[in-house]
Amino acid sequence: MGIWGDRGDSTKKPQNPKTPKPNTIFFTFMKILIVDDEKELTEPLEQILAQEGYEVDIADNGRTGLELAQENNYDLLILDWMLPQQSGLQICQYLRNQGDTTPVLFLTAKDTIDDRVAGLDAGADDYLVKPFQLRELLARVRALLRRSPNFEASNSSKLKSADLELDSENQVAYRHGRTISLSAKEVQLLTLFMTHPGQLLTHEQIYQHLWSEGEQPNSNVVPALMRLLRRKIEAPGETPLINTVYGKGYRFGEN
């Protein structure tokens, strides 16, 4: 049985599953873990979600999936029910018993009412039966990710990190009593940094966040924008906040 398409046409698979990449931090950096032992599902699904801008990890057995879920701060877990070594149901129950509230979406061929009730009672947030429509899967992923703390942070107009405050709605920042006027692009960039403190942000990730696919800025535009922003938020004598990781990108926060 195929995994894509209508229940009545299980052979359908997505053709050229490209959609415009959303130009928001919510879609660019949300992390998803898929635990499923069907490569015919996980490989295309990983590609599709990556094209949507998500960061995706894959595990093909329950034990590895549980370890990854415990070691990393994921925004969404997509679990198959039947897995080698440990079932998706057991993973979900264990995480909930440990107080982990990460949203869980089950992808499974089990489609009886009793199965759905068992999955939801185990702590799952949603349940999608294989085969499924790609549009429905992506809609459910977006809905579940809205529950993530990272989504709430990225949609807040006021942010604070260390001694720096940002009011994105009014395009100003505050540091040590100074009021710092910012351009729209500087606000986007600073929001990106302040919602991902300590995280290495690559040049490519920054480009994807600041410009849509149709825009092609000069290759020097990010370093130039970085210099301007540093001059504004890092006055002489103040602790640097934007740190260059040479050859890779930038990291925000006090060293």
C-alpha atoms as a PDB file:
ATOM      1  CA  MET A   1       0.000   0.000   0.000  1.00  0.00           C
ATOM      2  CA  GLY A   2       1.328   3.435  -0.869  1.00  0.00           C
ATOM      3  CA  ILE A   3       1.596   6.279   1.568  1.00  0.00           C
ATOM      4  CA  TRP A   4       0.500   9.186  -0.630  1.00  0.00           C
ATOM      5  CA  GLY A   5      -2.797  10.120  -2.213  1.00  0.00           C
ATOM      6  CA  ASP A   6      -6.436   9.418  -1.550  1.00  0.00           C
ATOM      7  CA  ARG A   7      -7.391   6.250   0.236  1.00  0.00           C
ATOM      8  CA  GLY A   8      -8.838   5.062  -3.055  1.00  0.00           C
ATOM      9  CA  ASP A   9      -5.636   5.767  -5.029  1.00  0.00           C
ATOM     10  CA  SER A  10      -2.739   4.591  -2.915  1.00  0.00           C
ATOM     11  CA  THR A  11      -0.235   4.773  -5.780  1.00  0.00           C
ATOM     12  CA  LYS A  12      -0.163   8.564  -5.967  1.00  0.00           C
ATOM     13  CA  LYS A  13       2.973  10.335  -4.888  1.00  0.00           C
ATOM     14  CA  PRO A  14       3.623  14.078  -4.808  1.00  0.00           C
ATOM     15  CA  GLN A  15       4.942  15.499  -8.058  1.00  0.00           C
ATOM     16  CA  ASN A  16       7.415  18.374  -7.708  1.00  0.00           C
ATOM     17  CA  PRO A  17       6.306  19.097  -4.147  1.00  0.00           C
ATOM     18  CA  LYS A  18       7.637  22.643  -4.150  1.00  0.00           C
ATOM     19  CA  THR A  19       5.799  25.454  -2.446  1.00  0.00           C
ATOM     20  CA  PRO A  20       6.984  29.001  -1.777  1.00  0.00           C
ATOM     21  CA  LYS A  21       9.299  28.937   1.215  1.00  0.00           C
ATOM     22  CA  PRO A  22       7.653  30.966   3.979  1.00  0.00           C
ATOM     23  CA  ASN A  23       9.804  33.928   4.928  1.00  0.00           C
ATOM     24  CA  THR A  24       9.298  33.556   8.661  1.00  0.00           C
ATOM     25  CA  ILE A  25      11.388  32.191  11.452  1.00  0.00           C
ATOM     26  CA  PHE A  26       8.580  29.843  12.421  1.00  0.00           C
ATOM     27  CA  PHE A  27       8.965  27.785   9.287  1.00  0.00           C
ATOM     28  CA  THR A  28      12.698  28.242   8.857  1.00  0.00           C
ATOM     29  CA  PHE A  29      13.970  26.738  12.079  1.00  0.00           C
ATOM     30  CA  MET A  30      11.313  24.543  13.665  1.00  0.00           C
ATOM     31  CA  LYS A  31      12.780  21.097  14.376  1.00  0.00           C
ATOM     32  CA  ILE A  32      10.908  17.888  13.611  1.00  0.00           C
ATOM     33  CA  LEU A  33      11.765  14.281  14.466  1.00  0.00           C
ATOM     34  CA  ILE A  34      10.306  11.507  12.284  1.00  0.00           C
ATOM     35  CA  VAL A  35      10.424   7.995  13.724  1.00  0.00           C
ATOM     36  CA  ASP A  36       9.403   5.454  11.086  1.00  0.00           C
ATOM     37  CA  ASP A  37      11.052   2.372   9.598  1.00  0.00           C
ATOM     38  CA  GLU A  38       9.553   2.813   6.100  1.00  0.00           C
ATOM     39  CA  LYS A  39      12.213   4.466   3.923  1.00  0.00           C
ATOM     40  CA  GLU A  40       9.663   4.927   1.150  1.00  0.00           C
ATOM     41  CA  LEU A  41       7.912   7.303   3.535  1.00  0.00           C
ATOM     42  CA  THR A  42      10.741   8.939   5.469  1.00  0.00           C
ATOM     43  CA  GLU A  43      13.013   9.821   2.532  1.00  0.00           C
ATOM     44  CA  PRO A  44      10.461  11.805   0.474  1.00  0.00           C
ATOM     45  CA  LEU A  45       8.861  13.216   3.620  1.00  0.00           C
ATOM     46  CA  GLU A  46      12.209  14.492   4.874  1.00  0.00           C
ATOM     47  CA  GLN A  47      12.811  16.148   1.500  1.00  0.00           C
ATOM     48  CA  ILE A  48       9.384  17.765   1.422  1.00  0.00           C
ATOM     49  CA  LEU A  49       9.605  19.104   4.970  1.00  0.00           C
ATOM     50  CA  ALA A  50      13.124  20.425   4.306  1.00  0.00           C
ATOM     51  CA  GLN A  51      11.808  22.240   1.233  1.00  0.00           C
ATOM     52  CA  GLU A  52       9.195  23.801   3.499  1.00  0.00           C
ATOM     53  CA  GLY A  53      12.047  25.099   5.652  1.00  0.00           C
ATOM     54  CA  TYR A  54      11.917  22.698   8.596  1.00  0.00           C
ATOM     55  CA  GLU A  55      14.922  20.996  10.195  1.00  0.00           C
ATOM     56  CA  VAL A  56      14.308  17.240  10.136  1.00  0.00           C
ATOM     57  CA  ASP A  57      15.901  14.268  11.903  1.00  0.00           C
ATOM     58  CA  ILE A  58      15.063  10.643  11.102  1.00  0.00           C
ATOM     59  CA  ALA A  59      15.126   7.491  13.251  1.00  0.00           C
ATOM     60  CA  ASP A  60      14.195   4.064  11.885  1.00  0.00           C
ATOM     61  CA  ASN A  61      13.545   2.328  15.209  1.00  0.00           C
ATOM     62  CA  GLY A  62      11.837   3.163  18.458  1.00  0.00           C
ATOM     63  CA  ARG A  63      14.878   3.004  20.724  1.00  0.00           C
ATOM     64  CA  THR A  64      16.877   5.515  18.657  1.00  0.00           C
ATOM     65  CA  GLY A  65      13.786   7.674  18.266  1.00  0.00           C
ATOM     66  CA  LEU A  66      13.267   7.875  22.011  1.00  0.00           C
ATOM     67  CA  GLU A  67      16.933   8.704  22.593  1.00  0.00           C
ATOM     68  CA  LEU A  68      16.810  11.526  20.038  1.00  0.00           C
ATOM     69  CA  ALA A  69      13.570  12.856  21.484  1.00  0.00           C
ATOM     70  CA  GLN A  70      15.132  13.026  24.942  1.00  0.00           C
ATOM     71  CA  GLU A  71      18.452  14.502  23.820  1.00  0.00           C
ATOM     72  CA  ASN A  72      17.099  17.232  21.533  1.00  0.00           C
ATOM     73  CA  ASN A  73      14.592  20.032  21.827  1.00  0.00           C
ATOM     74  CA  TYR A  74      12.168  19.165  19.030  1.00  0.00           C
ATOM     75  CA  ASP A  75       9.085  21.188  18.178  1.00  0.00           C
ATOM     76  CA  LEU A  76       7.178  18.205  16.776  1.00  0.00           C
ATOM     77  CA  LEU A  77       7.455  14.404  16.850  1.00  0.00           C
ATOM     78  CA  ILE A  78       6.007  12.392  13.944  1.00  0.00           C
ATOM     79  CA  LEU A  79       5.752   8.762  15.068  1.00  0.00           C
ATOM     80  CA  ASP A  80       4.799   5.544  13.366  1.00  0.00           C
ATOM     81  CA  TRP A  81       2.783   3.221  15.589  1.00  0.00           C
ATOM     82  CA  MET A  82       4.529  -0.075  14.806  1.00  0.00           C
ATOM     83  CA  LEU A  83       8.312   0.220  15.115  1.00  0.00           C
ATOM     84  CA  PRO A  84      11.242  -2.129  15.754  1.00  0.00           C
ATOM     85  CA  GLN A  85      12.474  -2.296  19.377  1.00  0.00           C
ATOM     86  CA  GLN A  86       9.896   0.128  20.788  1.00  0.00           C
ATOM     87  CA  SER A  87       6.514   1.209  19.448  1.00  0.00           C
ATOM     88  CA  GLY A  88       5.485   4.765  18.779  1.00  0.00           C
ATOM     89  CA  LEU A  89       2.743   4.317  21.367  1.00  0.00           C
ATOM     90  CA  GLN A  90       5.339   3.380  23.998  1.00  0.00           C
ATOM     91  CA  ILE A  91       7.528   6.351  23.033  1.00  0.00           C
ATOM     92  CA  CYS A  92       4.617   8.744  23.390  1.00  0.00           C
ATOM     93  CA  GLN A  93       3.506   7.265  26.730  1.00  0.00           C
ATOM     94  CA  TYR A  94       7.040   7.393  28.140  1.00  0.00           C
ATOM     95  CA  LEU A  95       7.616  11.016  27.126  1.00  0.00           C
ATOM     96  CA  ARG A  96       4.284  12.117  28.547  1.00  0.00           C
ATOM     97  CA  ASN A  97       5.039  10.336  31.824  1.00  0.00           C
ATOM     98  CA  GLN A  98       8.318  12.295  31.963  1.00  0.00           C
ATOM     99  CA  GLY A  99       6.434  15.568  31.569  1.00  0.00           C
ATOM    100  CA  ASP A 100       7.470  16.111  27.931  1.00  0.00           C
ATOM    101  CA  THR A 101       4.728  18.107  26.189  1.00  0.00           C
ATOM    102  CA  THR A 102       6.237  18.145  22.667  1.00  0.00           C
ATOM    103  CA  PRO A 103       3.365  17.808  20.151  1.00  0.00           C
ATOM    104  CA  VAL A 104       3.047  14.288  18.722  1.00  0.00           C
ATOM    105  CA  LEU A 105       1.525  13.314  15.376  1.00  0.00           C
ATOM    106  CA  PHE A 106       0.935   9.616  14.693  1.00  0.00           C
ATOM    107  CA  LEU A 107       1.254   8.339  11.109  1.00  0.00           C
ATOM    108  CA  THR A 108      -0.104   4.816  10.957  1.00  0.00           C
ATOM    109  CA  ALA A 109      -2.104   2.303   8.961  1.00  0.00           C
ATOM    110  CA  LYS A 110      -4.195   1.561  12.066  1.00  0.00           C
ATOM    111  CA  ASP A 111      -7.527   3.195  11.349  1.00  0.00           C
ATOM    112  CA  THR A 112     -10.111   1.779  13.747  1.00  0.00           C
ATOM    113  CA  ILE A 113     -11.808   3.967  16.324  1.00  0.00           C
ATOM    114  CA  ASP A 114     -10.207   1.928  19.106  1.00  0.00           C
ATOM    115  CA  ASP A 115      -6.752   2.528  17.617  1.00  0.00           C
ATOM    116  CA  ARG A 116      -7.335   6.264  17.407  1.00  0.00           C
ATOM    117  CA  VAL A 117      -8.621   6.407  20.952  1.00  0.00           C
ATOM    118  CA  ALA A 118      -5.583   4.433  22.179  1.00  0.00           C
ATOM    119  CA  GLY A 119      -3.207   6.826  20.409  1.00  0.00           C
ATOM    120  CA  LEU A 120      -4.901   9.929  21.779  1.00  0.00           C
ATOM    121  CA  ASP A 121      -5.121   8.433  25.264  1.00  0.00           C
ATOM    122  CA  ALA A 122      -1.361   7.747  25.112  1.00  0.00           C
ATOM    123  CA  GLY A 123      -0.824  11.484  24.721  1.00  0.00           C
ATOM    124  CA  ALA A 124      -0.775  12.028  20.958  1.00  0.00           C
ATOM    125  CA  ASP A 125      -2.027  15.392  19.736  1.00  0.00           C
ATOM    126  CA  ASP A 126      -3.128  14.252  16.287  1.00  0.00           C
ATOM    127  CA  TYR A 127      -3.521  11.106  14.206  1.00  0.00           C
ATOM    128  CA  LEU A 128      -3.176  10.661  10.433  1.00  0.00           C
ATOM    129  CA  VAL A 129      -3.956   7.385   8.669  1.00  0.00           C
ATOM    130  CA  LYS A 130      -1.786   6.128   5.797  1.00  0.00           C
ATOM    131  CA  PRO A 131      -2.104   6.712   2.905  1.00  0.00           C
ATOM    132  CA  PHE A 132      -2.602  10.435   3.305  1.00  0.00           C
ATOM    133  CA  GLN A 133      -2.754  13.615   1.268  1.00  0.00           C
ATOM    134  CA  LEU A 134       0.407  15.707   1.423  1.00  0.00           C
ATOM    135  CA  ARG A 135      -1.606  18.915   1.838  1.00  0.00           C
ATOM    136  CA  GLU A 136      -3.357  17.510   4.873  1.00  0.00           C
ATOM    137  CA  LEU A 137      -0.097  16.371   6.447  1.00  0.00           C
ATOM    138  CA  LEU A 138       1.499  19.811   6.029  1.00  0.00           C
ATOM    139  CA  ALA A 139      -1.609  21.518   7.409  1.00  0.00           C
ATOM    140  CA  ARG A 140      -1.540  19.304  10.490  1.00  0.00           C
ATOM    141  CA  VAL A 141       2.191  19.922  10.944  1.00  0.00           C
ATOM    142  CA  ARG A 142       1.637  23.687  10.810  1.00  0.00           C
ATOM    143  CA  ALA A 143      -1.254  23.479  13.271  1.00  0.00           C
ATOM    144  CA  LEU A 144       0.734  21.430  15.775  1.00  0.00           C
ATOM    145  CA  LEU A 145       3.813  23.648  15.493  1.00  0.00           C
ATOM    146  CA  ARG A 146       1.724  26.657  16.519  1.00  0.00           C
ATOM    147  CA  ARG A 147       1.719  25.117  19.998  1.00  0.00           C
ATOM    148  CA  SER A 148       5.515  25.300  20.240  1.00  0.00           C
ATOM    149  CA  PRO A 149       7.112  27.913  22.532  1.00  0.00           C
ATOM    150  CA  ASN A 150       9.397  28.811  19.609  1.00  0.00           C
ATOM    151  CA  PHE A 151       6.360  29.819  17.567  1.00  0.00           C
ATOM    152  CA  GLU A 152       5.097  32.053  20.331  1.00  0.00           C
ATOM    153  CA  ALA A 153       8.528  33.678  20.731  1.00  0.00           C
ATOM    154  CA  SER A 154       8.924  34.332  17.018  1.00  0.00           C
ATOM    155  CA  ASN A 155       5.523  36.027  16.869  1.00  0.00           C
ATOM    156  CA  SER A 156       6.064  38.301  19.839  1.00  0.00           C
ATOM    157  CA  SER A 157       6.680  41.968  18.968  1.00  0.00           C
ATOM    158  CA  LYS A 158       8.871  42.482  22.073  1.00  0.00           C
ATOM    159  CA  LEU A 159      11.929  40.391  22.868  1.00  0.00           C
ATOM    160  CA  LYS A 160      14.651  40.575  25.507  1.00  0.00           C
ATOM    161  CA  SER A 161      18.064  38.904  25.541  1.00  0.00           C
ATOM    162  CA  ALA A 162      20.689  39.805  28.128  1.00  0.00           C
ATOM    163  CA  ASP A 163      20.713  43.613  28.313  1.00  0.00           C
ATOM    164  CA  LEU A 164      19.182  44.126  24.856  1.00  0.00           C
ATOM    165  CA  GLU A 165      15.465  44.708  24.280  1.00  0.00           C
ATOM    166  CA  LEU A 166      13.747  44.732  20.893  1.00  0.00           C
ATOM    167  CA  ASP A 167      10.397  46.306  20.001  1.00  0.00           C
ATOM    168  CA  SER A 168       9.947  45.010  16.469  1.00  0.00           C
ATOM    169  CA  GLU A 169       6.561  46.656  15.959  1.00  0.00           C
ATOM    170  CA  ASN A 170       8.103  50.115  16.399  1.00  0.00           C
ATOM    171  CA  GLN A 171      11.490  49.139  14.852  1.00  0.00           C
ATOM    172  CA  VAL A 172      13.545  50.164  17.877  1.00  0.00           C
ATOM    173  CA  ALA A 173      15.889  48.433  20.313  1.00  0.00           C
ATOM    174  CA  TYR A 174      17.055  49.489  23.773  1.00  0.00           C
ATOM    175  CA  ARG A 175      20.409  48.874  25.425  1.00  0.00           C
ATOM    176  CA  HIS A 176      21.940  50.577  28.466  1.00  0.00           C
ATOM    177  CA  GLY A 177      19.443  53.426  28.220  1.00  0.00           C
ATOM    178  CA  ARG A 178      20.053  53.998  24.515  1.00  0.00           C
ATOM    179  CA  THR A 179      17.212  53.995  21.987  1.00  0.00           C
ATOM    180  CA  ILE A 180      18.369  52.381  18.742  1.00  0.00           C
ATOM    181  CA  SER A 181      16.433  52.958  15.526  1.00  0.00           C
ATOM    182  CA  LEU A 182      16.409  49.986  13.146  1.00  0.00           C
ATOM    183  CA  SER A 183      15.526  49.330   9.535  1.00  0.00           C
ATOM    184  CA  ALA A 184      12.992  46.641   8.632  1.00  0.00           C
ATOM    185  CA  LYS A 185      15.752  44.209   7.593  1.00  0.00           C
ATOM    186  CA  GLU A 186      17.704  44.904  10.796  1.00  0.00           C
ATOM    187  CA  VAL A 187      14.574  44.099  12.811  1.00  0.00           C
ATOM    188  CA  GLN A 188      14.181  40.808  10.921  1.00  0.00           C
ATOM    189  CA  LEU A 189      17.806  39.909  11.501  1.00  0.00           C
ATOM    190  CA  LEU A 190      17.808  40.857  15.180  1.00  0.00           C
ATOM    191  CA  THR A 191      14.566  38.925  15.743  1.00  0.00           C
ATOM    192  CA  LEU A 192      16.208  35.902  14.159  1.00  0.00           C
ATOM    193  CA  PHE A 193      19.172  36.180  16.510  1.00  0.00           C
ATOM    194  CA  MET A 194      17.191  36.884  19.666  1.00  0.00           C
ATOM    195  CA  THR A 195      14.850  33.926  19.165  1.00  0.00           C
ATOM    196  CA  HIS A 196      17.839  31.601  18.619  1.00  0.00           C
ATOM    197  CA  PRO A 197      20.393  32.635  21.267  1.00  0.00           C
ATOM    198  CA  GLY A 198      23.568  30.561  21.245  1.00  0.00           C
ATOM    199  CA  GLN A 199      22.578  28.745  18.041  1.00  0.00           C
ATOM    200  CA  LEU A 200      24.888  28.750  15.037  1.00  0.00           C
ATOM    201  CA  LEU A 201      23.000  30.415  12.176  1.00  0.00           C
ATOM    202  CA  THR A 202      24.560  29.743   8.793  1.00  0.00           C
ATOM    203  CA  HIS A 203      24.764  32.263   5.985  1.00  0.00           C
ATOM    204  CA  GLU A 204      22.228  30.191   4.039  1.00  0.00           C
ATOM    205  CA  GLN A 205      19.736  30.163   6.914  1.00  0.00           C
ATOM    206  CA  ILE A 206      20.014  33.928   7.264  1.00  0.00           C
ATOM    207  CA  TYR A 207      19.505  34.438   3.531  1.00  0.00           C
ATOM    208  CA  GLN A 208      16.429  32.203   3.594  1.00  0.00           C
ATOM    209  CA  HIS A 209      14.962  34.117   6.507  1.00  0.00           C
ATOM    210  CA  LEU A 210      15.555  37.614   5.158  1.00  0.00           C
ATOM    211  CA  TRP A 211      14.755  37.151   1.477  1.00  0.00           C
ATOM    212  CA  SER A 212      12.215  35.153  -0.502  1.00  0.00           C
ATOM    213  CA  GLU A 213      13.210  32.705  -3.230  1.00  0.00           C
ATOM    214  CA  GLY A 214      12.505  35.277  -5.950  1.00  0.00           C
ATOM    215  CA  GLU A 215      14.955  37.788  -4.494  1.00  0.00           C
ATOM    216  CA  GLN A 216      18.665  37.504  -5.263  1.00  0.00           C
ATOM    217  CA  PRO A 217      20.644  39.932  -3.099  1.00  0.00           C
ATOM    218  CA  ASN A 218      24.346  40.469  -3.604  1.00  0.00           C
ATOM    219  CA  SER A 219      26.537  37.910  -1.821  1.00  0.00           C
ATOM    220  CA  ASN A 220      28.048  40.701   0.304  1.00  0.00           C
ATOM    221  CA  VAL A 221      24.721  41.986   1.592  1.00  0.00           C
ATOM    222  CA  VAL A 222      24.601  39.835   4.756  1.00  0.00           C
ATOM    223  CA  PRO A 223      28.099  40.826   5.982  1.00  0.00           C
ATOM    224  CA  ALA A 224      27.252  44.466   5.236  1.00  0.00           C
ATOM    225  CA  LEU A 225      23.958  44.230   7.128  1.00  0.00           C
ATOM    226  CA  MET A 226      25.768  42.532   9.997  1.00  0.00           C
ATOM    227  CA  ARG A 227      28.301  45.370  10.246  1.00  0.00           C
ATOM    228  CA  LEU A 228      25.542  47.983  10.353  1.00  0.00           C
ATOM    229  CA  LEU A 229      23.609  46.121  13.033  1.00  0.00           C
ATOM    230  CA  ARG A 230      26.733  45.616  15.153  1.00  0.00           C
ATOM    231  CA  ARG A 231      27.532  49.318  15.046  1.00  0.00           C
ATOM    232  CA  LYS A 232      24.059  50.087  16.355  1.00  0.00           C
ATOM    233  CA  ILE A 233      23.702  47.527  19.153  1.00  0.00           C
ATOM    234  CA  GLU A 234      27.346  47.229  20.235  1.00  0.00           C
ATOM    235  CA  ALA A 235      28.591  50.629  21.404  1.00  0.00           C
ATOM    236  CA  PRO A 236      32.250  51.032  22.508  1.00  0.00           C
ATOM    237  CA  GLY A 237      32.751  49.305  25.846  1.00  0.00           C
ATOM    238  CA  GLU A 238      29.643  47.141  25.535  1.00  0.00           C
ATOM    239  CA  THR A 239      29.822  43.357  25.394  1.00  0.00           C
ATOM    240  CA  PRO A 240      29.650  42.079  21.791  1.00  0.00           C
ATOM    241  CA  LEU A 241      26.470  40.128  21.078  1.00  0.00           C
ATOM    242  CA  ILE A 242      26.919  39.038  17.442  1.00  0.00           C
ATOM    243  CA  ASN A 243      29.807  36.606  17.187  1.00  0.00           C
ATOM    244  CA  THR A 244      31.279  35.434  13.889  1.00  0.00           C
ATOM    245  CA  VAL A 245      31.893  31.716  13.440  1.00  0.00           C
ATOM    246  CA  TYR A 246      34.406  31.904  10.618  1.00  0.00           C
ATOM    247  CA  GLY A 247      33.502  29.966   7.523  1.00  0.00           C
ATOM    248  CA  LYS A 248      30.093  29.014   8.904  1.00  0.00           C
ATOM    249  CA  GLY A 249      27.935  31.905  10.072  1.00  0.00           C
ATOM    250  CA  TYR A 250      27.065  33.759  13.262  1.00  0.00           C
ATOM    251  CA  ARG A 251      26.076  33.073  16.859  1.00  0.00           C
ATOM    252  CA  PHE A 252      24.163  35.529  19.063  1.00  0.00           C
ATOM    253  CA  GLY A 253      24.774  36.050  22.762  1.00  0.00           C
ATOM    254  CA  GLU A 254      27.459  36.973  25.256  1.00  0.00           C
ATOM    255  CA  ASN A 255      30.526  34.717  25.141  1.00  0.00           C
END
